[in-house]
Amino acid sequence: MKLTALTLLIGKINHLIDLGKYDEITIEEIYKPINDGKILRYLKEKAGNDIDLSIYLNSKTFNDFESWYAEHLQSLYNAYSGDENRKWSIQNKGLCLLLAWTNEIIQQGSGWVE
């Protein structure tokens, strides 16, 4: 179930990147909501009607996905923050980093295999 949630989220993040309206969100700016465990709420606040995260925030469809996702992002932050360019070739855009880290969670397979 979490794999489905992650792949759906990748599509939503990709949509925001494609719009081009959120290019000003930097890597440094994305760190705070990751560390606070509120990245999905941050995205909803920033993007408003451009993103629908209700399946993650207002339902039990994916069983507290928000906390699970935040924990995995925080783990990646602790391991790789400051090294994004070397590891994923990302230097500027926070949404690109979020997309890469969401993909990394899938690649690691940790916790989503049920």
N, C-alpha and C. Protein backbone atom coordinates (compact mmCIF):
# COMPACT_ATOMS: atom_id res chain seq x y z
N MET A 1 0.83 -1.20 0.00
CA MET A 1 0.00 0.00 0.00
C MET A 1 0.87 1.26 0.00
N LYS A 2 1.98 1.26 0.75
CA LYS A 2 2.83 2.45 0.79
C LYS A 2 3.53 2.70 -0.54
N LEU A 3 3.82 1.64 -1.27
CA LEU A 3 4.41 1.82 -2.60
C LEU A 3 3.44 2.59 -3.49
N THR A 4 2.18 2.25 -3.43
CA THR A 4 1.17 2.98 -4.20
C THR A 4 1.13 4.44 -3.77
N ALA A 5 1.16 4.68 -2.46
CA ALA A 5 1.13 6.05 -1.95
C ALA A 5 2.34 6.84 -2.43
N LEU A 6 3.51 6.22 -2.42
CA LEU A 6 4.73 6.89 -2.87
C LEU A 6 4.68 7.21 -4.36
N THR A 7 4.25 6.26 -5.16
CA THR A 7 4.22 6.51 -6.61
C THR A 7 3.17 7.56 -6.97
N LEU A 8 2.04 7.56 -6.28
CA LEU A 8 1.06 8.62 -6.50
C LEU A 8 1.62 9.98 -6.11
N LEU A 9 2.36 10.02 -5.02
CA LEU A 9 2.96 11.27 -4.56
C LEU A 9 4.01 11.78 -5.55
N ILE A 10 4.77 10.89 -6.13
CA ILE A 10 5.74 11.29 -7.15
C ILE A 10 5.03 12.01 -8.29
N GLY A 11 3.89 11.50 -8.71
CA GLY A 11 3.12 12.16 -9.76
C GLY A 11 2.67 13.55 -9.36
N LYS A 12 2.28 13.71 -8.11
CA LYS A 12 1.82 15.02 -7.63
C LYS A 12 2.97 16.02 -7.54
N ILE A 13 4.12 15.57 -7.06
CA ILE A 13 5.30 16.44 -7.00
C ILE A 13 5.75 16.80 -8.41
N ASN A 14 5.75 15.84 -9.30
CA ASN A 14 6.12 16.08 -10.69
C ASN A 14 5.21 17.12 -11.33
N HIS A 15 3.94 17.06 -11.01
CA HIS A 15 2.98 18.05 -11.53
C HIS A 15 3.38 19.46 -11.08
N LEU A 16 3.73 19.61 -9.82
CA LEU A 16 4.13 20.93 -9.32
C LEU A 16 5.39 21.42 -10.02
N ILE A 17 6.33 20.52 -10.24
CA ILE A 17 7.55 20.90 -10.96
C ILE A 17 7.20 21.34 -12.38
N ASP A 18 6.33 20.60 -13.04
CA ASP A 18 5.94 20.89 -14.41
C ASP A 18 5.25 22.25 -14.53
N LEU A 19 4.48 22.63 -13.52
CA LEU A 19 3.81 23.93 -13.56
C LEU A 19 4.81 25.08 -13.62
N GLY A 20 5.98 24.90 -13.02
CA GLY A 20 7.00 25.94 -13.02
C GLY A 20 6.74 27.07 -12.04
N LYS A 21 5.61 27.03 -11.36
CA LYS A 21 5.24 28.11 -10.44
C LYS A 21 5.94 28.01 -9.09
N TYR A 22 6.60 26.90 -8.84
CA TYR A 22 7.19 26.66 -7.52
C TYR A 22 8.70 26.47 -7.59
N ASP A 23 9.28 26.96 -8.68
CA ASP A 23 10.72 26.83 -8.87
C ASP A 23 11.52 27.59 -7.82
N GLU A 24 10.88 28.56 -7.17
CA GLU A 24 11.59 29.36 -6.17
C GLU A 24 11.79 28.61 -4.85
N ILE A 25 11.14 27.47 -4.68
CA ILE A 25 11.33 26.69 -3.45
C ILE A 25 12.71 26.05 -3.53
N THR A 26 13.58 26.47 -2.64
CA THR A 26 14.97 26.00 -2.66
C THR A 26 15.13 24.74 -1.82
N ILE A 27 16.26 24.13 -1.98
CA ILE A 27 16.61 22.96 -1.17
C ILE A 27 16.61 23.36 0.30
N GLU A 28 17.22 24.48 0.62
CA GLU A 28 17.30 24.93 2.01
C GLU A 28 15.91 25.18 2.59
N GLU A 29 15.01 25.71 1.77
CA GLU A 29 13.66 25.99 2.24
C GLU A 29 12.89 24.71 2.53
N ILE A 30 13.16 23.66 1.81
CA ILE A 30 12.43 22.40 1.99
C ILE A 30 12.91 21.64 3.23
N TYR A 31 14.11 21.96 3.71
CA TYR A 31 14.65 21.28 4.88
C TYR A 31 13.79 21.44 6.13
N LYS A 32 13.31 22.67 6.39
CA LYS A 32 12.56 22.91 7.63
C LYS A 32 11.31 22.05 7.73
N PRO A 33 10.42 22.06 6.74
CA PRO A 33 9.24 21.21 6.87
C PRO A 33 9.57 19.71 6.89
N ILE A 34 10.68 19.32 6.29
CA ILE A 34 11.10 17.92 6.40
C ILE A 34 11.46 17.63 7.85
N ASN A 35 12.27 18.48 8.44
CA ASN A 35 12.68 18.27 9.82
C ASN A 35 11.54 18.39 10.81
N ASP A 36 10.56 19.22 10.49
CA ASP A 36 9.38 19.39 11.36
C ASP A 36 8.36 18.26 11.18
N GLY A 37 8.56 17.41 10.17
CA GLY A 37 7.63 16.32 9.90
C GLY A 37 6.34 16.78 9.25
N LYS A 38 6.39 17.95 8.60
CA LYS A 38 5.17 18.53 8.02
C LYS A 38 5.32 18.87 6.55
N ILE A 39 6.08 18.08 5.84
CA ILE A 39 6.34 18.40 4.44
C ILE A 39 5.08 18.38 3.59
N LEU A 40 4.18 17.44 3.85
CA LEU A 40 2.96 17.39 3.04
C LEU A 40 2.07 18.60 3.31
N ARG A 41 2.00 19.03 4.55
CA ARG A 41 1.22 20.22 4.90
C ARG A 41 1.86 21.48 4.30
N TYR A 42 3.18 21.50 4.28
CA TYR A 42 3.91 22.61 3.65
C TYR A 42 3.57 22.68 2.16
N LEU A 43 3.60 21.54 1.48
CA LEU A 43 3.28 21.52 0.05
C LEU A 43 1.86 22.00 -0.20
N LYS A 44 0.93 21.57 0.63
CA LYS A 44 -0.46 21.98 0.46
C LYS A 44 -0.60 23.48 0.68
N GLU A 45 0.09 24.00 1.69
CA GLU A 45 0.04 25.44 1.97
C GLU A 45 0.63 26.25 0.81
N LYS A 46 1.75 25.80 0.29
CA LYS A 46 2.43 26.51 -0.80
C LYS A 46 1.65 26.41 -2.12
N ALA A 47 1.15 25.22 -2.44
CA ALA A 47 0.58 24.98 -3.76
C ALA A 47 -0.94 25.13 -3.81
N GLY A 48 -1.59 25.15 -2.68
CA GLY A 48 -3.04 25.35 -2.65
C GLY A 48 -3.79 24.39 -3.54
N ASN A 49 -4.57 24.94 -4.46
CA ASN A 49 -5.40 24.12 -5.35
C ASN A 49 -4.61 23.41 -6.45
N ASP A 50 -3.32 23.69 -6.55
CA ASP A 50 -2.50 23.01 -7.55
C ASP A 50 -2.15 21.58 -7.14
N ILE A 51 -2.43 21.22 -5.89
CA ILE A 51 -2.12 19.87 -5.43
C ILE A 51 -3.21 19.38 -4.50
N ASP A 52 -3.60 18.15 -4.68
CA ASP A 52 -4.60 17.53 -3.80
C ASP A 52 -3.90 16.45 -2.98
N LEU A 53 -3.72 16.74 -1.71
CA LEU A 53 -3.07 15.78 -0.82
C LEU A 53 -4.05 15.19 0.19
N SER A 54 -5.33 15.33 -0.07
CA SER A 54 -6.34 14.87 0.88
C SER A 54 -6.22 13.37 1.16
N ILE A 55 -5.80 12.61 0.19
CA ILE A 55 -5.65 11.17 0.39
C ILE A 55 -4.58 10.86 1.44
N TYR A 56 -3.65 11.79 1.64
CA TYR A 56 -2.59 11.62 2.63
C TYR A 56 -2.90 12.33 3.95
N LEU A 57 -3.58 13.46 3.87
CA LEU A 57 -3.77 14.30 5.05
C LEU A 57 -5.11 14.14 5.74
N ASN A 58 -6.16 13.85 5.00
CA ASN A 58 -7.51 13.87 5.57
C ASN A 58 -8.21 12.53 5.54
N SER A 59 -7.46 11.48 5.37
CA SER A 59 -8.11 10.17 5.32
C SER A 59 -7.18 9.13 5.92
N LYS A 60 -7.71 7.99 6.10
CA LYS A 60 -6.92 6.86 6.62
C LYS A 60 -6.55 5.89 5.50
N THR A 61 -6.64 6.35 4.27
CA THR A 61 -6.38 5.48 3.13
C THR A 61 -5.02 4.80 3.23
N PHE A 62 -4.01 5.56 3.64
CA PHE A 62 -2.65 5.02 3.70
C PHE A 62 -2.10 4.95 5.12
N ASN A 63 -2.97 4.85 6.12
CA ASN A 63 -2.56 4.59 7.51
C ASN A 63 -1.42 5.47 8.01
N ASP A 64 -1.67 6.69 8.31
CA ASP A 64 -0.69 7.64 8.85
C ASP A 64 0.55 7.74 7.96
N PHE A 65 0.32 7.81 6.68
CA PHE A 65 1.41 7.94 5.71
C PHE A 65 2.26 9.17 6.01
N GLU A 66 1.62 10.25 6.43
CA GLU A 66 2.35 11.50 6.66
C GLU A 66 3.51 11.29 7.64
N SER A 67 3.28 10.63 8.75
CA SER A 67 4.34 10.39 9.74
C SER A 67 5.40 9.44 9.19
N TRP A 68 4.95 8.40 8.53
CA TRP A 68 5.88 7.42 7.97
C TRP A 68 6.79 8.08 6.93
N TYR A 69 6.20 8.88 6.05
CA TYR A 69 6.95 9.57 5.00
C TYR A 69 7.94 10.56 5.61
N ALA A 70 7.48 11.31 6.59
CA ALA A 70 8.34 12.29 7.26
C ALA A 70 9.55 11.61 7.90
N GLU A 71 9.32 10.48 8.53
CA GLU A 71 10.41 9.74 9.17
C GLU A 71 11.46 9.31 8.15
N HIS A 72 11.03 8.84 7.01
CA HIS A 72 11.97 8.40 5.97
C HIS A 72 12.70 9.59 5.34
N LEU A 73 12.01 10.70 5.15
CA LEU A 73 12.67 11.90 4.63
C LEU A 73 13.70 12.42 5.63
N GLN A 74 13.36 12.39 6.90
CA GLN A 74 14.29 12.85 7.93
C GLN A 74 15.54 11.98 7.96
N SER A 75 15.37 10.70 7.75
CA SER A 75 16.50 9.79 7.69
C SER A 75 17.42 10.14 6.51
N LEU A 76 16.83 10.43 5.37
CA LEU A 76 17.62 10.85 4.20
C LEU A 76 18.30 12.18 4.46
N TYR A 77 17.59 13.10 5.09
CA TYR A 77 18.18 14.39 5.43
C TYR A 77 19.42 14.19 6.31
N ASN A 78 19.27 13.38 7.34
CA ASN A 78 20.38 13.15 8.27
C ASN A 78 21.58 12.51 7.57
N ALA A 79 21.31 11.69 6.58
CA ALA A 79 22.39 10.99 5.88
C ALA A 79 23.02 11.81 4.75
N TYR A 80 22.21 12.64 4.07
CA TYR A 80 22.69 13.22 2.81
C TYR A 80 22.57 14.74 2.68
N SER A 81 22.01 15.44 3.66
CA SER A 81 21.86 16.89 3.46
C SER A 81 23.23 17.51 3.22
N GLY A 82 23.27 18.39 2.26
CA GLY A 82 24.52 19.03 1.85
C GLY A 82 25.25 18.26 0.77
N ASP A 83 24.81 17.06 0.48
CA ASP A 83 25.47 16.21 -0.50
C ASP A 83 24.54 15.87 -1.67
N GLU A 84 23.51 16.70 -1.85
CA GLU A 84 22.49 16.43 -2.87
C GLU A 84 23.05 16.44 -4.29
N ASN A 85 23.98 17.32 -4.54
CA ASN A 85 24.53 17.43 -5.89
C ASN A 85 25.32 16.18 -6.26
N ARG A 86 26.13 15.70 -5.36
CA ARG A 86 26.93 14.51 -5.65
C ARG A 86 26.05 13.27 -5.80
N LYS A 87 25.08 13.13 -4.93
CA LYS A 87 24.26 11.90 -4.90
C LYS A 87 23.17 11.89 -5.97
N TRP A 88 22.49 13.05 -6.17
CA TRP A 88 21.34 13.07 -7.09
C TRP A 88 21.45 14.13 -8.19
N SER A 89 22.57 14.85 -8.25
CA SER A 89 22.78 15.92 -9.24
C SER A 89 21.74 17.03 -9.12
N ILE A 90 21.36 17.36 -7.89
CA ILE A 90 20.39 18.42 -7.64
C ILE A 90 21.09 19.51 -6.84
N GLN A 91 20.99 20.75 -7.35
CA GLN A 91 21.68 21.86 -6.72
C GLN A 91 20.76 22.97 -6.24
N ASN A 92 19.56 23.08 -6.79
CA ASN A 92 18.77 24.28 -6.55
C ASN A 92 17.34 24.04 -6.07
N LYS A 93 16.59 23.26 -6.78
CA LYS A 93 15.15 23.19 -6.57
C LYS A 93 14.74 22.18 -5.50
N GLY A 94 14.03 22.70 -4.51
CA GLY A 94 13.56 21.87 -3.42
C GLY A 94 12.61 20.77 -3.86
N LEU A 95 11.74 21.07 -4.82
CA LEU A 95 10.80 20.05 -5.28
C LEU A 95 11.53 18.92 -6.01
N CYS A 96 12.60 19.25 -6.71
CA CYS A 96 13.39 18.21 -7.37
C CYS A 96 14.03 17.30 -6.33
N LEU A 97 14.51 17.90 -5.25
CA LEU A 97 15.08 17.10 -4.17
C LEU A 97 14.02 16.20 -3.54
N LEU A 98 12.85 16.76 -3.30
CA LEU A 98 11.77 15.97 -2.71
C LEU A 98 11.38 14.81 -3.62
N LEU A 99 11.35 15.05 -4.91
CA LEU A 99 11.07 13.98 -5.87
C LEU A 99 12.15 12.90 -5.81
N ALA A 100 13.41 13.33 -5.79
CA ALA A 100 14.53 12.38 -5.74
C ALA A 100 14.50 11.57 -4.45
N TRP A 101 14.22 12.22 -3.33
CA TRP A 101 14.20 11.51 -2.06
C TRP A 101 13.01 10.55 -1.96
N THR A 102 11.89 10.92 -2.55
CA THR A 102 10.74 10.01 -2.57
C THR A 102 11.08 8.78 -3.40
N ASN A 103 11.74 8.99 -4.51
CA ASN A 103 12.21 7.88 -5.33
C ASN A 103 13.22 7.03 -4.57
N GLU A 104 14.09 7.67 -3.82
CA GLU A 104 15.10 6.96 -3.02
C GLU A 104 14.44 6.05 -1.98
N ILE A 105 13.36 6.52 -1.38
CA ILE A 105 12.63 5.69 -0.41
C ILE A 105 12.14 4.42 -1.10
N ILE A 106 11.65 4.56 -2.32
CA ILE A 106 11.20 3.39 -3.07
C ILE A 106 12.38 2.46 -3.36
N GLN A 107 13.49 3.04 -3.81
CA GLN A 107 14.65 2.22 -4.14
C GLN A 107 15.19 1.46 -2.94
N GLN A 108 15.15 2.10 -1.78
CA GLN A 108 15.63 1.44 -0.57
C GLN A 108 14.70 0.32 -0.13
N GLY A 109 13.43 0.44 -0.48
CA GLY A 109 12.47 -0.60 -0.13
C GLY A 109 12.18 -0.72 1.35
N SER A 110 12.76 0.16 2.13
CA SER A 110 12.62 0.07 3.58
C SER A 110 11.24 0.50 4.05
N GLY A 111 10.51 -0.44 4.61
CA GLY A 111 9.24 -0.11 5.24
C GLY A 111 8.03 -0.11 4.34
N TRP A 112 8.21 -0.07 3.03
CA TRP A 112 7.02 -0.06 2.19
C TRP A 112 6.64 -1.45 1.71
N VAL A 113 7.55 -2.39 1.83
CA VAL A 113 7.23 -3.75 1.44
C VAL A 113 6.38 -4.38 2.53
N GLU A 114 5.17 -4.76 2.18
CA GLU A 114 4.25 -5.32 3.18
C GLU A 114 3.91 -6.75 2.87
